[in-house]
All heavy atoms as atom14 arrays in JSON, in Angstrom:
{
  "sequence": "PFRNPLADVNERIDHTLTTNLLTNAFLEYDIIPGLTLRSTIGLGLDFR",
  "atom14_mask": [
    [1, 1, 1, 1, 1, 1, 1, 0, 0, 0, 0, 0, 0, 0],
    [1, 1, 1, 1, 1, 1, 1, 1, 1, 1, 1, 0, 0, 0],
    [1, 1, 1, 1, 1, 1, 1, 1, 1, 1, 1, 0, 0, 0],
    [1, 1, 1, 1, 1, 1, 1, 1, 0, 0, 0, 0, 0, 0],
    [1, 1, 1, 1, 1, 1, 1, 0, 0, 0, 0, 0, 0, 0],
    [1, 1, 1, 1, 1, 1, 1, 1, 0, 0, 0, 0, 0, 0],
    [1, 1, 1, 1, 1, 0, 0, 0, 0, 0, 0, 0, 0, 0],
    [1, 1, 1, 1, 1, 1, 1, 1, 0, 0, 0, 0, 0, 0],
    [1, 1, 1, 1, 1, 1, 1, 0, 0, 0, 0, 0, 0, 0],
    [1, 1, 1, 1, 1, 1, 1, 1, 0, 0, 0, 0, 0, 0],
    [1, 1, 1, 1, 1, 1, 1, 1, 1, 0, 0, 0, 0, 0],
    [1, 1, 1, 1, 1, 1, 1, 1, 1, 1, 1, 0, 0, 0],
    [1, 1, 1, 1, 1, 1, 1, 1, 0, 0, 0, 0, 0, 0],
    [1, 1, 1, 1, 1, 1, 1, 1, 0, 0, 0, 0, 0, 0],
    [1, 1, 1, 1, 1, 1, 1, 1, 1, 1, 0, 0, 0, 0],
    [1, 1, 1, 1, 1, 1, 1, 0, 0, 0, 0, 0, 0, 0],
    [1, 1, 1, 1, 1, 1, 1, 1, 0, 0, 0, 0, 0, 0],
    [1, 1, 1, 1, 1, 1, 1, 0, 0, 0, 0, 0, 0, 0],
    [1, 1, 1, 1, 1, 1, 1, 0, 0, 0, 0, 0, 0, 0],
    [1, 1, 1, 1, 1, 1, 1, 1, 0, 0, 0, 0, 0, 0],
    [1, 1, 1, 1, 1, 1, 1, 1, 0, 0, 0, 0, 0, 0],
    [1, 1, 1, 1, 1, 1, 1, 1, 0, 0, 0, 0, 0, 0],
    [1, 1, 1, 1, 1, 1, 1, 0, 0, 0, 0, 0, 0, 0],
    [1, 1, 1, 1, 1, 1, 1, 1, 0, 0, 0, 0, 0, 0],
    [1, 1, 1, 1, 1, 0, 0, 0, 0, 0, 0, 0, 0, 0],
    [1, 1, 1, 1, 1, 1, 1, 1, 1, 1, 1, 0, 0, 0],
    [1, 1, 1, 1, 1, 1, 1, 1, 0, 0, 0, 0, 0, 0],
    [1, 1, 1, 1, 1, 1, 1, 1, 1, 0, 0, 0, 0, 0],
    [1, 1, 1, 1, 1, 1, 1, 1, 1, 1, 1, 1, 0, 0],
    [1, 1, 1, 1, 1, 1, 1, 1, 0, 0, 0, 0, 0, 0],
    [1, 1, 1, 1, 1, 1, 1, 1, 0, 0, 0, 0, 0, 0],
    [1, 1, 1, 1, 1, 1, 1, 1, 0, 0, 0, 0, 0, 0],
    [1, 1, 1, 1, 1, 1, 1, 0, 0, 0, 0, 0, 0, 0],
    [1, 1, 1, 1, 0, 0, 0, 0, 0, 0, 0, 0, 0, 0],
    [1, 1, 1, 1, 1, 1, 1, 1, 0, 0, 0, 0, 0, 0],
    [1, 1, 1, 1, 1, 1, 1, 0, 0, 0, 0, 0, 0, 0],
    [1, 1, 1, 1, 1, 1, 1, 1, 0, 0, 0, 0, 0, 0],
    [1, 1, 1, 1, 1, 1, 1, 1, 1, 1, 1, 0, 0, 0],
    [1, 1, 1, 1, 1, 1, 0, 0, 0, 0, 0, 0, 0, 0],
    [1, 1, 1, 1, 1, 1, 1, 0, 0, 0, 0, 0, 0, 0],
    [1, 1, 1, 1, 1, 1, 1, 1, 0, 0, 0, 0, 0, 0],
    [1, 1, 1, 1, 0, 0, 0, 0, 0, 0, 0, 0, 0, 0],
    [1, 1, 1, 1, 1, 1, 1, 1, 0, 0, 0, 0, 0, 0],
    [1, 1, 1, 1, 0, 0, 0, 0, 0, 0, 0, 0, 0, 0],
    [1, 1, 1, 1, 1, 1, 1, 1, 0, 0, 0, 0, 0, 0],
    [1, 1, 1, 1, 1, 1, 1, 1, 0, 0, 0, 0, 0, 0],
    [1, 1, 1, 1, 1, 1, 1, 1, 1, 1, 1, 0, 0, 0],
    [1, 1, 1, 1, 1, 1, 1, 1, 1, 1, 1, 0, 0, 0]
  ],
  "atom14_positions": [
    [[-60.34, -15.49, 11.41], [-59.05, -15.42, 12.1], [-58.75, -13.98, 12.56], [-59.22, -13.02, 11.97], [-58.06, -15.89, 11.04], [-58.73, -15.64, 9.74], [-60.19, -15.81, 9.97], [0.0, 0.0, 0.0], [0.0, 0.0, 0.0], [0.0, 0.0, 0.0], [0.0, 0.0, 0.0], [0.0, 0.0, 0.0], [0.0, 0.0, 0.0], [0.0, 0.0, 0.0]],
    [[-58.0, -13.87, 13.63], [-57.59, -12.56, 14.12], [-56.17, -12.67, 14.66], [-55.69, -13.76, 14.97], [-58.55, -12.05, 15.2], [-58.36, -12.72, 16.55], [-57.6, -12.12, 17.54], [-58.94, -13.96, 16.81], [-57.42, -12.74, 18.77], [-58.76, -14.57, 18.03], [-58.0, -13.97, 19.02], [0.0, 0.0, 0.0], [0.0, 0.0, 0.0], [0.0, 0.0, 0.0]],
    [[-55.51, -11.52, 14.77], [-54.17, -11.48, 15.31], [-54.25, -11.43, 16.83], [-54.78, -10.5, 17.41], [-53.41, -10.27, 14.77], [-52.85, -10.48, 13.38], [-52.08, -9.28, 12.88], [-51.02, -8.86, 13.8], [-50.12, -7.92, 13.51], [-50.17, -7.31, 12.32], [-49.2, -7.57, 14.38], [0.0, 0.0, 0.0], [0.0, 0.0, 0.0], [0.0, 0.0, 0.0]],
    [[-53.73, -12.45, 17.46], [-53.73, -12.54, 18.91], [-52.67, -11.58, 19.46], [-51.48, -11.74, 19.2], [-53.41, -13.98, 19.33], [-53.54, -14.21, 20.81], [-53.05, -13.44, 21.62], [-54.19, -15.32, 21.16], [0.0, 0.0, 0.0], [0.0, 0.0, 0.0], [0.0, 0.0, 0.0], [0.0, 0.0, 0.0], [0.0, 0.0, 0.0], [0.0, 0.0, 0.0]],
    [[-53.06, -10.56, 20.24], [-52.1, -9.55, 20.71], [-50.97, -10.15, 21.55], [-49.81, -9.74, 21.42], [-52.96, -8.6, 21.53], [-54.34, -8.79, 21.03], [-54.44, -10.22, 20.65], [0.0, 0.0, 0.0], [0.0, 0.0, 0.0], [0.0, 0.0, 0.0], [0.0, 0.0, 0.0], [0.0, 0.0, 0.0], [0.0, 0.0, 0.0], [0.0, 0.0, 0.0]],
    [[-51.29, -11.11, 22.42], [-50.25, -11.71, 23.24], [-49.27, -12.52, 22.4], [-48.06, -12.51, 22.64], [-50.87, -12.59, 24.33], [-49.88, -13.14, 25.36], [-49.21, -12.01, 26.12], [-50.58, -14.11, 26.32], [0.0, 0.0, 0.0], [0.0, 0.0, 0.0], [0.0, 0.0, 0.0], [0.0, 0.0, 0.0], [0.0, 0.0, 0.0], [0.0, 0.0, 0.0]],
    [[-49.79, -13.21, 21.39], [-48.9, -13.94, 20.48], [-48.0, -12.98, 19.72], [-46.81, -13.26, 19.5], [-49.73, -14.78, 19.5], [0.0, 0.0, 0.0], [0.0, 0.0, 0.0], [0.0, 0.0, 0.0], [0.0, 0.0, 0.0], [0.0, 0.0, 0.0], [0.0, 0.0, 0.0], [0.0, 0.0, 0.0], [0.0, 0.0, 0.0], [0.0, 0.0, 0.0]],
    [[-48.55, -11.83, 19.32], [-47.74, -10.83, 18.62], [-46.59, -10.35, 19.5], [-45.45, -10.17, 19.05], [-48.6, -9.65, 18.2], [-49.52, -9.98, 17.02], [-49.22, -10.96, 16.32], [-50.51, -9.27, 16.82], [0.0, 0.0, 0.0], [0.0, 0.0, 0.0], [0.0, 0.0, 0.0], [0.0, 0.0, 0.0], [0.0, 0.0, 0.0], [0.0, 0.0, 0.0]],
    [[-46.89, -10.09, 20.78], [-45.87, -9.61, 21.7], [-44.79, -10.66, 21.92], [-43.59, -10.36, 21.92], [-46.52, -9.2, 23.04], [-45.46, -9.01, 24.11], [-47.33, -7.93, 22.88], [0.0, 0.0, 0.0], [0.0, 0.0, 0.0], [0.0, 0.0, 0.0], [0.0, 0.0, 0.0], [0.0, 0.0, 0.0], [0.0, 0.0, 0.0], [0.0, 0.0, 0.0]],
    [[-45.18, -11.91, 22.07], [-44.22, -12.95, 22.42], [-43.51, -13.58, 21.24], [-42.36, -14.02, 21.37], [-44.94, -14.06, 23.21], [-45.44, -13.58, 24.56], [-44.9, -12.63, 25.13], [-46.47, -14.24, 25.08], [0.0, 0.0, 0.0], [0.0, 0.0, 0.0], [0.0, 0.0, 0.0], [0.0, 0.0, 0.0], [0.0, 0.0, 0.0], [0.0, 0.0, 0.0]],
    [[-44.19, -13.66, 20.09], [-43.67, -14.47, 19.0], [-43.25, -13.67, 17.77], [-42.65, -14.25, 16.86], [-44.72, -15.52, 18.58], [-45.32, -16.33, 19.72], [-44.27, -17.09, 20.52], [-43.19, -17.37, 19.97], [-44.53, -17.4, 21.7], [0.0, 0.0, 0.0], [0.0, 0.0, 0.0], [0.0, 0.0, 0.0], [0.0, 0.0, 0.0], [0.0, 0.0, 0.0]],
    [[-43.55, -12.41, 17.71], [-43.1, -11.58, 16.58], [-41.8, -10.88, 16.95], [-41.65, -10.37, 18.06], [-44.15, -10.53, 16.21], [-45.35, -11.07, 15.46], [-46.33, -9.97, 15.11], [-47.49, -10.5, 14.43], [-47.63, -10.59, 13.11], [-46.68, -10.11, 12.33], [-48.71, -11.11, 12.58], [0.0, 0.0, 0.0], [0.0, 0.0, 0.0], [0.0, 0.0, 0.0]],
    [[-40.89, -10.83, 16.02], [-39.65, -10.06, 16.17], [-39.71, -8.91, 15.17], [-39.9, -9.12, 13.97], [-38.4, -10.92, 15.9], [-38.32, -12.05, 16.92], [-37.14, -10.08, 15.93], [-37.16, -13.02, 16.67], [0.0, 0.0, 0.0], [0.0, 0.0, 0.0], [0.0, 0.0, 0.0], [0.0, 0.0, 0.0], [0.0, 0.0, 0.0], [0.0, 0.0, 0.0]],
    [[-39.57, -7.7, 15.67], [-39.59, -6.53, 14.8], [-38.85, -5.39, 15.5], [-39.4, -4.74, 16.39], [-41.03, -6.11, 14.48], [-41.1, -5.04, 13.39], [-40.03, -4.51, 13.01], [-42.21, -4.73, 12.93], [0.0, 0.0, 0.0], [0.0, 0.0, 0.0], [0.0, 0.0, 0.0], [0.0, 0.0, 0.0], [0.0, 0.0, 0.0], [0.0, 0.0, 0.0]],
    [[-37.6, -5.21, 15.16], [-36.82, -4.12, 15.75], [-35.95, -3.46, 14.7], [-35.64, -4.06, 13.65], [-35.98, -4.62, 16.93], [-35.0, -5.7, 16.57], [-35.14, -7.01, 16.97], [-33.86, -5.68, 15.83], [-34.15, -7.74, 16.51], [-33.36, -6.95, 15.8], [0.0, 0.0, 0.0], [0.0, 0.0, 0.0], [0.0, 0.0, 0.0], [0.0, 0.0, 0.0]],
    [[-35.56, -2.24, 14.97], [-34.73, -1.44, 14.07], [-33.45, -1.04, 14.78], [-33.49, -0.49, 15.89], [-35.47, -0.19, 13.58], [-36.7, -0.57, 12.94], [-34.62, 0.6, 12.6], [0.0, 0.0, 0.0], [0.0, 0.0, 0.0], [0.0, 0.0, 0.0], [0.0, 0.0, 0.0], [0.0, 0.0, 0.0], [0.0, 0.0, 0.0], [0.0, 0.0, 0.0]],
    [[-32.31, -1.31, 14.16], [-31.0, -0.93, 14.68], [-30.49, 0.25, 13.86], [-30.43, 0.18, 12.62], [-30.02, -2.1, 14.58], [-30.47, -3.42, 15.23], [-29.48, -4.52, 14.93], [-30.64, -3.25, 16.73], [0.0, 0.0, 0.0], [0.0, 0.0, 0.0], [0.0, 0.0, 0.0], [0.0, 0.0, 0.0], [0.0, 0.0, 0.0], [0.0, 0.0, 0.0]],
    [[-30.1, 1.32, 14.53], [-29.68, 2.53, 13.84], [-28.38, 3.05, 14.45], [-28.27, 3.16, 15.68], [-30.74, 3.63, 13.93], [-31.98, 3.14, 13.41], [-30.33, 4.86, 13.14], [0.0, 0.0, 0.0], [0.0, 0.0, 0.0], [0.0, 0.0, 0.0], [0.0, 0.0, 0.0], [0.0, 0.0, 0.0], [0.0, 0.0, 0.0], [0.0, 0.0, 0.0]],
    [[-27.43, 3.38, 13.59], [-26.18, 4.02, 14.01], [-25.99, 5.27, 13.18], [-26.01, 5.21, 11.94], [-24.98, 3.09, 13.84], [-25.18, 1.9, 14.63], [-23.7, 3.76, 14.3], [0.0, 0.0, 0.0], [0.0, 0.0, 0.0], [0.0, 0.0, 0.0], [0.0, 0.0, 0.0], [0.0, 0.0, 0.0], [0.0, 0.0, 0.0], [0.0, 0.0, 0.0]],
    [[-25.81, 6.41, 13.85], [-25.61, 7.7, 13.18], [-24.28, 8.3, 13.61], [-23.95, 8.3, 14.8], [-26.73, 8.69, 13.52], [-28.1, 8.2, 13.11], [-28.88, 7.82, 13.95], [-28.38, 8.22, 11.82], [0.0, 0.0, 0.0], [0.0, 0.0, 0.0], [0.0, 0.0, 0.0], [0.0, 0.0, 0.0], [0.0, 0.0, 0.0], [0.0, 0.0, 0.0]],
    [[-23.55, 8.82, 12.65], [-22.31, 9.56, 12.93], [-22.36, 10.88, 12.19], [-22.57, 10.92, 10.98], [-21.09, 8.76, 12.48], [-19.75, 9.52, 12.56], [-19.41, 9.83, 14.02], [-18.63, 8.72, 11.9], [0.0, 0.0, 0.0], [0.0, 0.0, 0.0], [0.0, 0.0, 0.0], [0.0, 0.0, 0.0], [0.0, 0.0, 0.0], [0.0, 0.0, 0.0]],
    [[-22.2, 11.96, 12.93], [-22.14, 13.29, 12.34], [-20.91, 13.98, 12.91], [-20.82, 14.21, 14.13], [-23.4, 14.1, 12.68], [-23.51, 15.5, 12.05], [-23.53, 15.39, 10.53], [-24.75, 16.21, 12.55], [0.0, 0.0, 0.0], [0.0, 0.0, 0.0], [0.0, 0.0, 0.0], [0.0, 0.0, 0.0], [0.0, 0.0, 0.0], [0.0, 0.0, 0.0]],
    [[-19.94, 14.28, 12.07], [-18.7, 14.87, 12.54], [-18.17, 15.86, 11.51], [-18.44, 15.76, 10.31], [-17.64, 13.77, 12.8], [-16.45, 14.36, 13.29], [-17.33, 13.0, 11.51], [0.0, 0.0, 0.0], [0.0, 0.0, 0.0], [0.0, 0.0, 0.0], [0.0, 0.0, 0.0], [0.0, 0.0, 0.0], [0.0, 0.0, 0.0], [0.0, 0.0, 0.0]],
    [[-17.44, 16.84, 12.0], [-16.77, 17.78, 11.1], [-15.53, 18.33, 11.79], [-15.43, 18.37, 13.03], [-17.71, 18.93, 10.68], [-18.08, 19.82, 11.83], [-17.3, 20.67, 12.25], [-19.28, 19.64, 12.36], [0.0, 0.0, 0.0], [0.0, 0.0, 0.0], [0.0, 0.0, 0.0], [0.0, 0.0, 0.0], [0.0, 0.0, 0.0], [0.0, 0.0, 0.0]],
    [[-14.57, 18.72, 10.98], [-13.32, 19.28, 11.46], [-13.02, 20.55, 10.68], [-13.41, 20.69, 9.52], [-12.18, 18.27, 11.3], [0.0, 0.0, 0.0], [0.0, 0.0, 0.0], [0.0, 0.0, 0.0], [0.0, 0.0, 0.0], [0.0, 0.0, 0.0], [0.0, 0.0, 0.0], [0.0, 0.0, 0.0], [0.0, 0.0, 0.0], [0.0, 0.0, 0.0]],
    [[-12.33, 21.49, 11.32], [-12.03, 22.76, 10.66], [-10.58, 23.15, 10.89], [-9.94, 22.75, 11.87], [-12.96, 23.87, 11.16], [-12.62, 24.4, 12.53], [-11.74, 25.48, 12.68], [-13.15, 23.81, 13.66], [-11.42, 25.96, 13.94], [-12.83, 24.28, 14.93], [-11.96, 25.37, 15.07], [0.0, 0.0, 0.0], [0.0, 0.0, 0.0], [0.0, 0.0, 0.0]],
    [[-10.08, 23.94, 9.97], [-8.75, 24.53, 10.07], [-8.87, 26.0, 9.67], [-9.39, 26.3, 8.59], [-7.75, 23.81, 9.16], [-6.33, 24.39, 9.13], [-5.66, 24.23, 10.48], [-5.5, 23.72, 8.04], [0.0, 0.0, 0.0], [0.0, 0.0, 0.0], [0.0, 0.0, 0.0], [0.0, 0.0, 0.0], [0.0, 0.0, 0.0], [0.0, 0.0, 0.0]],
    [[-8.4, 26.88, 10.54], [-8.49, 28.32, 10.29], [-7.1, 28.93, 10.35], [-6.36, 28.7, 11.32], [-9.4, 28.97, 11.34], [-9.8, 30.39, 11.03], [-10.84, 30.92, 11.99], [-12.0, 30.47, 11.92], [-10.47, 31.78, 12.83], [0.0, 0.0, 0.0], [0.0, 0.0, 0.0], [0.0, 0.0, 0.0], [0.0, 0.0, 0.0], [0.0, 0.0, 0.0]],
    [[-6.77, 29.71, 9.31], [-5.42, 30.28, 9.2], [-5.52, 31.77, 8.92], [-6.13, 32.18, 7.93], [-4.65, 29.57, 8.08], [-3.27, 30.14, 7.81], [-2.36, 30.32, 8.84], [-2.89, 30.48, 6.52], [-1.1, 30.83, 8.6], [-1.63, 30.99, 6.25], [-0.73, 31.17, 7.3], [0.51, 31.68, 7.06], [0.0, 0.0, 0.0], [0.0, 0.0, 0.0]],
    [[-4.93, 32.56, 9.81], [-4.87, 34.01, 9.61], [-3.65, 34.33, 8.77], [-2.5, 34.35, 9.28], [-4.8, 34.73, 10.96], [-6.06, 34.55, 11.78], [-7.14, 34.41, 11.18], [-5.97, 34.55, 13.03], [0.0, 0.0, 0.0], [0.0, 0.0, 0.0], [0.0, 0.0, 0.0], [0.0, 0.0, 0.0], [0.0, 0.0, 0.0], [0.0, 0.0, 0.0]],
    [[-3.88, 34.59, 7.49], [-2.78, 34.82, 6.56], [-2.05, 36.11, 6.91], [-0.83, 36.13, 7.12], [-3.3, 34.85, 5.11], [-4.06, 33.55, 4.81], [-2.16, 35.05, 4.14], [-4.77, 33.55, 3.47], [0.0, 0.0, 0.0], [0.0, 0.0, 0.0], [0.0, 0.0, 0.0], [0.0, 0.0, 0.0], [0.0, 0.0, 0.0], [0.0, 0.0, 0.0]],
    [[-2.78, 37.19, 6.96], [-2.31, 38.49, 7.4], [-3.42, 39.1, 8.23], [-4.55, 38.61, 8.2], [-1.95, 39.42, 6.2], [-3.18, 39.61, 5.3], [-0.76, 38.86, 5.4], [-2.96, 40.61, 4.18], [0.0, 0.0, 0.0], [0.0, 0.0, 0.0], [0.0, 0.0, 0.0], [0.0, 0.0, 0.0], [0.0, 0.0, 0.0], [0.0, 0.0, 0.0]],
    [[-3.16, 40.15, 8.99], [-4.24, 40.76, 9.76], [-5.43, 41.14, 8.88], [-5.29, 41.84, 7.88], [-3.57, 42.0, 10.37], [-2.13, 41.63, 10.47], [-1.85, 40.77, 9.28], [0.0, 0.0, 0.0], [0.0, 0.0, 0.0], [0.0, 0.0, 0.0], [0.0, 0.0, 0.0], [0.0, 0.0, 0.0], [0.0, 0.0, 0.0], [0.0, 0.0, 0.0]],
    [[-6.58, 40.61, 9.22], [-7.81, 40.9, 8.47], [-8.13, 39.91, 7.38], [-9.24, 39.92, 6.85], [0.0, 0.0, 0.0], [0.0, 0.0, 0.0], [0.0, 0.0, 0.0], [0.0, 0.0, 0.0], [0.0, 0.0, 0.0], [0.0, 0.0, 0.0], [0.0, 0.0, 0.0], [0.0, 0.0, 0.0], [0.0, 0.0, 0.0], [0.0, 0.0, 0.0]],
    [[-7.2, 39.02, 7.04], [-7.41, 38.05, 5.96], [-7.32, 36.64, 6.55], [-6.27, 36.23, 7.04], [-6.38, 38.22, 4.84], [-6.59, 37.35, 3.6], [-7.9, 37.71, 2.91], [-5.41, 37.52, 2.64], [0.0, 0.0, 0.0], [0.0, 0.0, 0.0], [0.0, 0.0, 0.0], [0.0, 0.0, 0.0], [0.0, 0.0, 0.0], [0.0, 0.0, 0.0]],
    [[-8.44, 35.9, 6.52], [-8.52, 34.59, 7.16], [-9.0, 33.54, 6.18], [-9.98, 33.75, 5.45], [-9.49, 34.64, 8.36], [-9.05, 35.63, 9.29], [-9.55, 33.29, 9.06], [0.0, 0.0, 0.0], [0.0, 0.0, 0.0], [0.0, 0.0, 0.0], [0.0, 0.0, 0.0], [0.0, 0.0, 0.0], [0.0, 0.0, 0.0], [0.0, 0.0, 0.0]],
    [[-8.32, 32.4, 6.18], [-8.7, 31.25, 5.37], [-9.27, 30.19, 6.3], [-8.68, 29.86, 7.33], [-7.5, 30.69, 4.62], [-7.72, 29.41, 3.81], [-8.67, 29.67, 2.65], [-6.4, 28.85, 3.31], [0.0, 0.0, 0.0], [0.0, 0.0, 0.0], [0.0, 0.0, 0.0], [0.0, 0.0, 0.0], [0.0, 0.0, 0.0], [0.0, 0.0, 0.0]],
    [[-10.44, 29.64, 5.95], [-11.07, 28.61, 6.77], [-11.53, 27.46, 5.88], [-12.15, 27.68, 4.84], [-12.26, 29.19, 7.54], [-12.94, 28.18, 8.46], [-14.12, 28.81, 9.17], [-14.86, 27.86, 9.99], [-14.62, 27.6, 11.27], [-13.65, 28.28, 11.89], [-15.33, 26.71, 11.93], [0.0, 0.0, 0.0], [0.0, 0.0, 0.0], [0.0, 0.0, 0.0]],
    [[-11.2, 26.26, 6.31], [-11.59, 25.07, 5.57], [-12.24, 24.08, 6.54], [-11.71, 23.84, 7.63], [-10.38, 24.43, 4.89], [-10.76, 23.26, 4.17], [0.0, 0.0, 0.0], [0.0, 0.0, 0.0], [0.0, 0.0, 0.0], [0.0, 0.0, 0.0], [0.0, 0.0, 0.0], [0.0, 0.0, 0.0], [0.0, 0.0, 0.0], [0.0, 0.0, 0.0]],
    [[-13.37, 23.52, 6.15], [-14.06, 22.53, 6.98], [-14.43, 21.33, 6.13], [-14.68, 21.46, 4.93], [-15.34, 23.1, 7.63], [-16.29, 23.41, 6.59], [-15.04, 24.36, 8.43], [0.0, 0.0, 0.0], [0.0, 0.0, 0.0], [0.0, 0.0, 0.0], [0.0, 0.0, 0.0], [0.0, 0.0, 0.0], [0.0, 0.0, 0.0], [0.0, 0.0, 0.0]],
    [[-14.44, 20.19, 6.75], [-14.92, 18.97, 6.09], [-15.82, 18.23, 7.08], [-15.49, 18.09, 8.26], [-13.75, 18.08, 5.62], [-14.3, 16.88, 4.84], [-12.86, 17.66, 6.76], [-13.25, 16.12, 4.07], [0.0, 0.0, 0.0], [0.0, 0.0, 0.0], [0.0, 0.0, 0.0], [0.0, 0.0, 0.0], [0.0, 0.0, 0.0], [0.0, 0.0, 0.0]],
    [[-16.96, 17.83, 6.6], [-17.93, 17.16, 7.44], [-18.34, 15.82, 6.85], [-18.38, 15.63, 5.63], [0.0, 0.0, 0.0], [0.0, 0.0, 0.0], [0.0, 0.0, 0.0], [0.0, 0.0, 0.0], [0.0, 0.0, 0.0], [0.0, 0.0, 0.0], [0.0, 0.0, 0.0], [0.0, 0.0, 0.0], [0.0, 0.0, 0.0], [0.0, 0.0, 0.0]],
    [[-18.65, 14.88, 7.73], [-19.06, 13.54, 7.31], [-20.31, 13.15, 8.09], [-20.35, 13.27, 9.32], [-17.94, 12.54, 7.59], [-18.28, 11.05, 7.35], [-18.56, 10.79, 5.88], [-17.15, 10.16, 7.86], [0.0, 0.0, 0.0], [0.0, 0.0, 0.0], [0.0, 0.0, 0.0], [0.0, 0.0, 0.0], [0.0, 0.0, 0.0], [0.0, 0.0, 0.0]],
    [[-21.3, 12.69, 7.37], [-22.51, 12.17, 7.99], [-22.79, 10.76, 7.51], [-22.86, 10.51, 6.3], [0.0, 0.0, 0.0], [0.0, 0.0, 0.0], [0.0, 0.0, 0.0], [0.0, 0.0, 0.0], [0.0, 0.0, 0.0], [0.0, 0.0, 0.0], [0.0, 0.0, 0.0], [0.0, 0.0, 0.0], [0.0, 0.0, 0.0], [0.0, 0.0, 0.0]],
    [[-22.91, 9.84, 8.44], [-23.2, 8.44, 8.12], [-24.47, 8.01, 8.83], [-24.69, 8.36, 10.0], [-22.04, 7.53, 8.56], [-20.67, 7.77, 7.93], [-19.64, 6.84, 8.56], [-20.72, 7.58, 6.43], [0.0, 0.0, 0.0], [0.0, 0.0, 0.0], [0.0, 0.0, 0.0], [0.0, 0.0, 0.0], [0.0, 0.0, 0.0], [0.0, 0.0, 0.0]],
    [[-25.3, 7.26, 8.13], [-26.54, 6.77, 8.71], [-26.74, 5.32, 8.28], [-26.86, 5.03, 7.09], [-27.72, 7.63, 8.24], [-29.04, 7.16, 8.84], [-29.16, 7.16, 10.08], [-29.95, 6.79, 8.08], [0.0, 0.0, 0.0], [0.0, 0.0, 0.0], [0.0, 0.0, 0.0], [0.0, 0.0, 0.0], [0.0, 0.0, 0.0], [0.0, 0.0, 0.0]],
    [[-26.71, 4.42, 9.26], [-26.89, 2.99, 8.99], [-28.15, 2.52, 9.72], [-28.26, 2.7, 10.94], [-25.69, 2.18, 9.47], [-24.39, 2.56, 8.83], [-23.51, 3.4, 9.47], [-24.06, 2.08, 7.57], [-22.31, 3.77, 8.88], [-22.86, 2.43, 6.97], [-21.98, 3.29, 7.62], [0.0, 0.0, 0.0], [0.0, 0.0, 0.0], [0.0, 0.0, 0.0]],
    [[-29.06, 1.91, 8.97], [-30.3, 1.4, 9.56], [-30.56, -0.01, 9.07], [-30.38, -0.32, 7.9], [-31.49, 2.3, 9.19], [-31.35, 3.73, 9.67], [-32.6, 4.53, 9.42], [-32.4, 5.94, 9.77], [-33.36, 6.86, 9.75], [-34.59, 6.51, 9.41], [-33.09, 8.11, 10.07], [0.0, 0.0, 0.0], [0.0, 0.0, 0.0], [0.0, 0.0, 0.0]]
  ]
}
């Protein structure tokens, strides 16, 4: 027996669905001249 290439193309189902989200937000506050506070939060999601 052998794998028929045309049958593989027509009759096999094999696919991958992928959703990626990469996001981040920041807040920067100048408390006094020369003194800065910065906060960031980032989120990464990967669904396959």
